[in-house]
């Protein structure tokens, strides 16, 4: 509590951004901004004329709603360096509908429960199958996000998305509809120092412990 109070007192006030825009914070990636706003990385890159999806800067204002959207204002507020804000994963409310997942790969869990809110790492052999944990639509397929290697993101409904990182080969494309258990990739070590699948679950853009939803 004291640390949070001191951080708040020492922060620099930010000018507000218009509805439909977002000011980049320290530690943000375009992938996380896209997921938190229910968009694809390719859309954000196109709307903001970003040639390099990894080249975003703290304080930069990005459009996160389609141009001409009724929810977006005509122009963003001027960019200004911002103070980092800590984000704490929020548990899913008990009243929220849960999603039934299956394990996306076979292998041992490499992370402890203390890190599960940031996803889990599953060990295995290079080329082992990676499957969709639930049915949905592929909203990102590529390797433009630093630190994730070859990455897939699947949107299951308005509340939930899953992410599958460090793959060797991607077997589906952005826009594809996939069924639960469908093979979507092969396990690899892209963007990692060993062969593994990094698996994340997000509820309304917030990271949650996926093991609460797995059998």
C-alpha atoms as a PDB file:
ATOM      1  CA  UNK A   1       0.000   0.000   0.000  1.00  0.00           C
ATOM      2  CA  UNK A   2       2.819   2.424   0.900  1.00  0.00           C
ATOM      3  CA  UNK A   3       4.691   1.653  -2.329  1.00  0.00           C
ATOM      4  CA  UNK A   4       1.547   2.262  -4.358  1.00  0.00           C
ATOM      5  CA  UNK A   5       0.913   5.581  -2.594  1.00  0.00           C
ATOM      6  CA  UNK A   6       4.462   6.764  -3.206  1.00  0.00           C
ATOM      7  CA  UNK A   7       4.254   5.772  -6.846  1.00  0.00           C
ATOM      8  CA  UNK A   8       0.998   7.678  -7.234  1.00  0.00           C
ATOM      9  CA  UNK A   9       2.447  10.789  -5.619  1.00  0.00           C
ATOM     10  CA  UNK A  10       5.528  10.780  -7.822  1.00  0.00           C
ATOM     11  CA  UNK A  11       3.723  10.101 -11.106  1.00  0.00           C
ATOM     12  CA  UNK A  12       3.315  12.750 -13.767  1.00  0.00           C
ATOM     13  CA  UNK A  13      -0.331  13.570 -14.625  1.00  0.00           C
ATOM     14  CA  UNK A  14      -1.323  12.356 -18.088  1.00  0.00           C
ATOM     15  CA  UNK A  15      -3.431  14.187 -20.591  1.00  0.00           C
ATOM     16  CA  UNK A  16      -6.503  12.057 -21.402  1.00  0.00           C
ATOM     17  CA  UNK A  17      -6.739  10.298 -24.747  1.00  0.00           C
ATOM     18  CA  UNK A  18      -9.904  10.168 -26.818  1.00  0.00           C
ATOM     19  CA  UNK A  19     -12.299   7.237 -26.695  1.00  0.00           C
ATOM     20  CA  UNK A  20     -11.045   4.555 -29.029  1.00  0.00           C
ATOM     21  CA  UNK A  21      -7.377   5.403 -28.404  1.00  0.00           C
ATOM     22  CA  UNK A  22      -4.761   4.074 -25.964  1.00  0.00           C
ATOM     23  CA  UNK A  23      -1.535   5.580 -24.626  1.00  0.00           C
ATOM     24  CA  UNK A  24       1.349   3.084 -24.562  1.00  0.00           C
ATOM     25  CA  UNK A  25       2.640   2.253 -21.078  1.00  0.00           C
ATOM     26  CA  UNK A  26       6.058   0.859 -20.075  1.00  0.00           C
ATOM     27  CA  UNK A  27       6.191  -2.878 -20.720  1.00  0.00           C
ATOM     28  CA  UNK A  28       3.352  -2.850 -23.292  1.00  0.00           C
ATOM     29  CA  UNK A  29       3.553  -4.863 -26.496  1.00  0.00           C
ATOM     30  CA  UNK A  30       1.277  -4.430 -29.485  1.00  0.00           C
ATOM     31  CA  UNK A  31       0.030  -7.976 -28.911  1.00  0.00           C
ATOM     32  CA  UNK A  32      -1.104  -7.239 -25.351  1.00  0.00           C
ATOM     33  CA  UNK A  33      -2.717  -3.949 -26.395  1.00  0.00           C
ATOM     34  CA  UNK A  34      -4.555  -5.768 -29.179  1.00  0.00           C
ATOM     35  CA  UNK A  35      -5.759  -8.562 -26.862  1.00  0.00           C
ATOM     36  CA  UNK A  36      -6.899  -6.098 -24.185  1.00  0.00           C
ATOM     37  CA  UNK A  37      -8.978  -4.233 -26.774  1.00  0.00           C
ATOM     38  CA  UNK A  38     -10.384  -7.250 -28.606  1.00  0.00           C
ATOM     39  CA  UNK A  39      -8.480  -6.501 -31.808  1.00  0.00           C
ATOM     40  CA  UNK A  40      -5.838  -8.214 -33.925  1.00  0.00           C
ATOM     41  CA  UNK A  41      -2.230  -7.051 -34.084  1.00  0.00           C
ATOM     42  CA  UNK A  42      -2.533  -6.647 -37.852  1.00  0.00           C
ATOM     43  CA  UNK A  43      -5.497  -4.271 -37.447  1.00  0.00           C
ATOM     44  CA  UNK A  44      -3.651  -2.083 -34.932  1.00  0.00           C
ATOM     45  CA  UNK A  45      -0.564  -2.003 -37.145  1.00  0.00           C
ATOM     46  CA  UNK A  46      -2.670  -0.991 -40.160  1.00  0.00           C
ATOM     47  CA  UNK A  47      -4.759   1.659 -38.361  1.00  0.00           C
ATOM     48  CA  UNK A  48      -1.617   3.253 -36.909  1.00  0.00           C
ATOM     49  CA  UNK A  49       0.644   2.873 -39.975  1.00  0.00           C
ATOM     50  CA  UNK A  50       3.125   0.730 -38.027  1.00  0.00           C
ATOM     51  CA  UNK A  51       5.623  -0.990 -40.312  1.00  0.00           C
ATOM     52  CA  UNK A  52       7.268  -2.752 -37.352  1.00  0.00           C
ATOM     53  CA  UNK A  53       4.840  -4.240 -34.794  1.00  0.00           C
ATOM     54  CA  UNK A  54       7.569  -4.189 -32.131  1.00  0.00           C
ATOM     55  CA  UNK A  55       8.416  -0.484 -32.594  1.00  0.00           C
ATOM     56  CA  UNK A  56       6.049   1.237 -30.176  1.00  0.00           C
ATOM     57  CA  UNK A  57       7.158   3.780 -27.588  1.00  0.00           C
ATOM     58  CA  UNK A  58       6.004   4.736 -24.102  1.00  0.00           C
ATOM     59  CA  UNK A  59       3.647   7.704 -24.376  1.00  0.00           C
ATOM     60  CA  UNK A  60       2.670   6.943 -27.974  1.00  0.00           C
ATOM     61  CA  UNK A  61      -1.082   7.175 -28.634  1.00  0.00           C
ATOM     62  CA  UNK A  62      -2.545   4.335 -30.702  1.00  0.00           C
ATOM     63  CA  UNK A  63      -5.928   3.956 -32.331  1.00  0.00           C
ATOM     64  CA  UNK A  64      -7.560   0.789 -30.930  1.00  0.00           C
ATOM     65  CA  UNK A  65     -10.961   1.116 -32.625  1.00  0.00           C
ATOM     66  CA  UNK A  66     -11.598   1.059 -36.390  1.00  0.00           C
ATOM     67  CA  UNK A  67     -11.325   4.409 -38.207  1.00  0.00           C
ATOM     68  CA  UNK A  68     -14.772   5.943 -38.447  1.00  0.00           C
ATOM     69  CA  UNK A  69     -16.049   3.935 -35.479  1.00  0.00           C
ATOM     70  CA  UNK A  70     -18.818   5.705 -33.574  1.00  0.00           C
ATOM     71  CA  UNK A  71     -16.978   4.948 -30.324  1.00  0.00           C
ATOM     72  CA  UNK A  72     -13.777   6.709 -31.357  1.00  0.00           C
ATOM     73  CA  UNK A  73     -13.214  10.435 -31.175  1.00  0.00           C
ATOM     74  CA  UNK A  74     -11.972  12.347 -34.218  1.00  0.00           C
ATOM     75  CA  UNK A  75      -8.341  12.536 -33.098  1.00  0.00           C
ATOM     76  CA  UNK A  76      -6.142  11.439 -30.183  1.00  0.00           C
ATOM     77  CA  UNK A  77      -4.759  13.709 -27.534  1.00  0.00           C
ATOM     78  CA  UNK A  78      -1.100  14.736 -28.024  1.00  0.00           C
ATOM     79  CA  UNK A  79       1.462  12.094 -27.090  1.00  0.00           C
ATOM     80  CA  UNK A  80       3.307  12.611 -23.824  1.00  0.00           C
ATOM     81  CA  UNK A  81       5.672  10.291 -21.916  1.00  0.00           C
ATOM     82  CA  UNK A  82       3.735   8.357 -19.317  1.00  0.00           C
ATOM     83  CA  UNK A  83       4.606   6.822 -15.982  1.00  0.00           C
ATOM     84  CA  UNK A  84       4.385   3.030 -15.874  1.00  0.00           C
ATOM     85  CA  UNK A  85       1.376   1.561 -14.130  1.00  0.00           C
ATOM     86  CA  UNK A  86       1.580  -1.871 -12.543  1.00  0.00           C
ATOM     87  CA  UNK A  87      -0.990  -4.395 -13.752  1.00  0.00           C
ATOM     88  CA  UNK A  88      -2.174  -7.202 -11.508  1.00  0.00           C
ATOM     89  CA  UNK A  89      -4.000 -10.157 -13.065  1.00  0.00           C
ATOM     90  CA  UNK A  90      -7.603 -10.227 -11.883  1.00  0.00           C
ATOM     91  CA  UNK A  91      -9.396 -13.477 -11.024  1.00  0.00           C
ATOM     92  CA  UNK A  92     -12.511 -14.293 -13.009  1.00  0.00           C
ATOM     93  CA  UNK A  93     -15.655 -13.174 -11.116  1.00  0.00           C
ATOM     94  CA  UNK A  94     -17.604 -16.131  -9.749  1.00  0.00           C
ATOM     95  CA  UNK A  95     -20.699 -15.001 -11.677  1.00  0.00           C
ATOM     96  CA  UNK A  96     -18.848 -14.982 -15.015  1.00  0.00           C
ATOM     97  CA  UNK A  97     -19.454 -17.905 -17.373  1.00  0.00           C
ATOM     98  CA  UNK A  98     -16.486 -20.248 -17.379  1.00  0.00           C
ATOM     99  CA  UNK A  99     -14.973 -21.830 -20.461  1.00  0.00           C
ATOM    100  CA  UNK A 100     -14.144 -25.536 -20.643  1.00  0.00           C
ATOM    101  CA  UNK A 101     -10.612 -26.024 -21.933  1.00  0.00           C
ATOM    102  CA  UNK A 102      -8.562 -29.068 -22.816  1.00  0.00           C
ATOM    103  CA  UNK A 103      -4.780 -29.232 -22.443  1.00  0.00           C
ATOM    104  CA  UNK A 104      -3.188 -27.710 -25.552  1.00  0.00           C
ATOM    105  CA  UNK A 105      -0.184 -30.068 -25.446  1.00  0.00           C
ATOM    106  CA  UNK A 106       1.048 -33.195 -23.694  1.00  0.00           C
ATOM    107  CA  UNK A 107       3.982 -32.727 -21.381  1.00  0.00           C
ATOM    108  CA  UNK A 108       5.068 -31.574 -17.927  1.00  0.00           C
ATOM    109  CA  UNK A 109       4.214 -28.115 -16.616  1.00  0.00           C
ATOM    110  CA  UNK A 110       7.447 -26.170 -16.286  1.00  0.00           C
ATOM    111  CA  UNK A 111       6.231 -23.236 -14.177  1.00  0.00           C
ATOM    112  CA  UNK A 112       5.098 -23.189 -10.575  1.00  0.00           C
ATOM    113  CA  UNK A 113       1.681 -22.001  -9.412  1.00  0.00           C
ATOM    114  CA  UNK A 114       3.228 -18.663  -8.399  1.00  0.00           C
ATOM    115  CA  UNK A 115       3.547 -17.665 -12.051  1.00  0.00           C
ATOM    116  CA  UNK A 116       0.360 -19.139 -13.496  1.00  0.00           C
ATOM    117  CA  UNK A 117      -1.418 -15.786 -13.842  1.00  0.00           C
ATOM    118  CA  UNK A 118       1.080 -15.096 -16.637  1.00  0.00           C
ATOM    119  CA  UNK A 119       0.295 -18.426 -18.284  1.00  0.00           C
ATOM    120  CA  UNK A 120       1.942 -21.835 -18.074  1.00  0.00           C
ATOM    121  CA  UNK A 121       4.847 -23.445 -19.902  1.00  0.00           C
ATOM    122  CA  UNK A 122       4.435 -27.042 -21.068  1.00  0.00           C
ATOM    123  CA  UNK A 123       7.517 -29.062 -21.936  1.00  0.00           C
ATOM    124  CA  UNK A 124       7.751 -31.556 -24.783  1.00  0.00           C
ATOM    125  CA  UNK A 125       9.557 -32.612 -27.922  1.00  0.00           C
ATOM    126  CA  UNK A 126      10.060 -30.457 -31.002  1.00  0.00           C
ATOM    127  CA  UNK A 127       7.303 -31.185 -33.496  1.00  0.00           C
ATOM    128  CA  UNK A 128       4.818 -32.473 -30.887  1.00  0.00           C
ATOM    129  CA  UNK A 129       1.185 -31.472 -31.594  1.00  0.00           C
ATOM    130  CA  UNK A 130      -0.282 -28.256 -30.220  1.00  0.00           C
ATOM    131  CA  UNK A 131      -4.089 -28.243 -30.250  1.00  0.00           C
ATOM    132  CA  UNK A 132      -6.775 -25.617 -29.721  1.00  0.00           C
ATOM    133  CA  UNK A 133      -7.872 -25.609 -26.078  1.00  0.00           C
ATOM    134  CA  UNK A 134     -11.383 -24.603 -27.170  1.00  0.00           C
ATOM    135  CA  UNK A 135     -13.199 -23.784 -30.404  1.00  0.00           C
ATOM    136  CA  UNK A 136     -12.834 -20.266 -31.760  1.00  0.00           C
ATOM    137  CA  UNK A 137     -11.402 -17.928 -34.386  1.00  0.00           C
ATOM    138  CA  UNK A 138      -7.684 -17.305 -34.971  1.00  0.00           C
ATOM    139  CA  UNK A 139      -7.148 -13.559 -34.481  1.00  0.00           C
ATOM    140  CA  UNK A 140      -3.335 -13.586 -34.713  1.00  0.00           C
ATOM    141  CA  UNK A 141      -0.874 -15.900 -36.420  1.00  0.00           C
ATOM    142  CA  UNK A 142       2.717 -14.774 -36.837  1.00  0.00           C
ATOM    143  CA  UNK A 143       6.054 -14.028 -35.214  1.00  0.00           C
ATOM    144  CA  UNK A 144       6.042 -10.231 -35.046  1.00  0.00           C
ATOM    145  CA  UNK A 145       5.716 -10.069 -31.257  1.00  0.00           C
ATOM    146  CA  UNK A 146       9.080  -9.979 -29.507  1.00  0.00           C
ATOM    147  CA  UNK A 147       9.599 -12.724 -26.950  1.00  0.00           C
ATOM    148  CA  UNK A 148       6.761 -14.985 -28.134  1.00  0.00           C
ATOM    149  CA  UNK A 149       8.303 -16.582 -31.209  1.00  0.00           C
ATOM    150  CA  UNK A 150       5.761 -18.082 -33.586  1.00  0.00           C
ATOM    151  CA  UNK A 151       2.487 -17.174 -31.893  1.00  0.00           C
ATOM    152  CA  UNK A 152      -1.195 -18.010 -32.293  1.00  0.00           C
ATOM    153  CA  UNK A 153      -4.072 -16.234 -30.533  1.00  0.00           C
ATOM    154  CA  UNK A 154      -7.586 -17.679 -30.603  1.00  0.00           C
ATOM    155  CA  UNK A 155     -10.709 -15.730 -29.630  1.00  0.00           C
ATOM    156  CA  UNK A 156     -13.348 -18.058 -28.199  1.00  0.00           C
ATOM    157  CA  UNK A 157     -16.107 -15.558 -27.390  1.00  0.00           C
ATOM    158  CA  UNK A 158     -16.482 -11.973 -26.196  1.00  0.00           C
ATOM    159  CA  UNK A 159     -14.794 -12.841 -22.886  1.00  0.00           C
ATOM    160  CA  UNK A 160     -12.022 -15.359 -23.501  1.00  0.00           C
ATOM    161  CA  UNK A 161      -8.887 -15.683 -25.624  1.00  0.00           C
ATOM    162  CA  UNK A 162      -6.026 -18.176 -25.514  1.00  0.00           C
ATOM    163  CA  UNK A 163      -2.449 -17.686 -26.736  1.00  0.00           C
ATOM    164  CA  UNK A 164       0.055 -20.337 -27.882  1.00  0.00           C
ATOM    165  CA  UNK A 165       3.703 -19.229 -28.122  1.00  0.00           C
ATOM    166  CA  UNK A 166       7.156 -20.566 -29.138  1.00  0.00           C
ATOM    167  CA  UNK A 167       5.767 -22.900 -31.820  1.00  0.00           C
ATOM    168  CA  UNK A 168       7.888 -24.563 -34.491  1.00  0.00           C
ATOM    169  CA  UNK A 169       5.258 -24.451 -37.260  1.00  0.00           C
ATOM    170  CA  UNK A 170       1.869 -22.701 -37.421  1.00  0.00           C
ATOM    171  CA  UNK A 171      -0.780 -24.830 -39.128  1.00  0.00           C
ATOM    172  CA  UNK A 172      -3.649 -22.306 -39.197  1.00  0.00           C
ATOM    173  CA  UNK A 173      -3.972 -18.744 -40.441  1.00  0.00           C
ATOM    174  CA  UNK A 174      -5.509 -15.545 -39.090  1.00  0.00           C
ATOM    175  CA  UNK A 175      -9.259 -15.648 -39.674  1.00  0.00           C
ATOM    176  CA  UNK A 176      -9.541 -19.463 -39.554  1.00  0.00           C
ATOM    177  CA  UNK A 177     -12.228 -21.080 -37.421  1.00  0.00           C
ATOM    178  CA  UNK A 178     -10.870 -23.964 -35.349  1.00  0.00           C
ATOM    179  CA  UNK A 179     -12.525 -26.685 -33.296  1.00  0.00           C
ATOM    180  CA  UNK A 180     -11.547 -27.845 -29.828  1.00  0.00           C
ATOM    181  CA  UNK A 181      -8.729 -30.361 -30.079  1.00  0.00           C
ATOM    182  CA  UNK A 182      -7.803 -29.394 -33.658  1.00  0.00           C
ATOM    183  CA  UNK A 183      -4.062 -29.455 -34.346  1.00  0.00           C
ATOM    184  CA  UNK A 184      -3.039 -25.814 -34.842  1.00  0.00           C
ATOM    185  CA  UNK A 185       0.763 -25.895 -34.513  1.00  0.00           C
ATOM    186  CA  UNK A 186       3.779 -27.994 -33.620  1.00  0.00           C
ATOM    187  CA  UNK A 187       5.815 -27.427 -30.485  1.00  0.00           C
ATOM    188  CA  UNK A 188       9.135 -25.641 -30.855  1.00  0.00           C
ATOM    189  CA  UNK A 189      11.607 -23.214 -29.317  1.00  0.00           C
ATOM    190  CA  UNK A 190      11.052 -20.052 -31.387  1.00  0.00           C
ATOM    191  CA  UNK A 191      11.716 -17.063 -29.136  1.00  0.00           C
ATOM    192  CA  UNK A 192      12.689 -19.378 -26.247  1.00  0.00           C
ATOM    193  CA  UNK A 193      15.782 -21.142 -24.929  1.00  0.00           C
ATOM    194  CA  UNK A 194      14.168 -24.601 -24.931  1.00  0.00           C
ATOM    195  CA  UNK A 195      11.349 -26.516 -26.578  1.00  0.00           C
ATOM    196  CA  UNK A 196       8.060 -25.676 -24.880  1.00  0.00           C
ATOM    197  CA  UNK A 197       4.573 -24.292 -25.367  1.00  0.00           C
ATOM    198  CA  UNK A 198       3.770 -21.081 -23.509  1.00  0.00           C
ATOM    199  CA  UNK A 199      -0.013 -21.028 -23.001  1.00  0.00           C
ATOM    200  CA  UNK A 200      -2.048 -18.060 -21.753  1.00  0.00           C
ATOM    201  CA  UNK A 201      -5.741 -17.543 -20.981  1.00  0.00           C
ATOM    202  CA  UNK A 202      -7.260 -14.050 -20.888  1.00  0.00           C
ATOM    203  CA  UNK A 203     -10.660 -12.986 -19.563  1.00  0.00           C
ATOM    204  CA  UNK A 204     -11.747  -9.607 -20.925  1.00  0.00           C
ATOM    205  CA  UNK A 205      -8.093  -8.852 -21.626  1.00  0.00           C
ATOM    206  CA  UNK A 206      -6.882  -9.785 -18.123  1.00  0.00           C
ATOM    207  CA  UNK A 207      -4.530 -12.736 -17.594  1.00  0.00           C
ATOM    208  CA  UNK A 208      -6.023 -15.520 -15.471  1.00  0.00           C
ATOM    209  CA  UNK A 209      -4.699 -18.864 -14.257  1.00  0.00           C
ATOM    210  CA  UNK A 210      -5.506 -21.349 -17.059  1.00  0.00           C
ATOM    211  CA  UNK A 211      -5.215 -24.359 -14.755  1.00  0.00           C
ATOM    212  CA  UNK A 212      -8.507 -23.313 -13.122  1.00  0.00           C
ATOM    213  CA  UNK A 213     -10.193 -24.163 -16.434  1.00  0.00           C
ATOM    214  CA  UNK A 214      -8.250 -27.273 -17.463  1.00  0.00           C
ATOM    215  CA  UNK A 215      -9.285 -30.844 -16.634  1.00  0.00           C
END
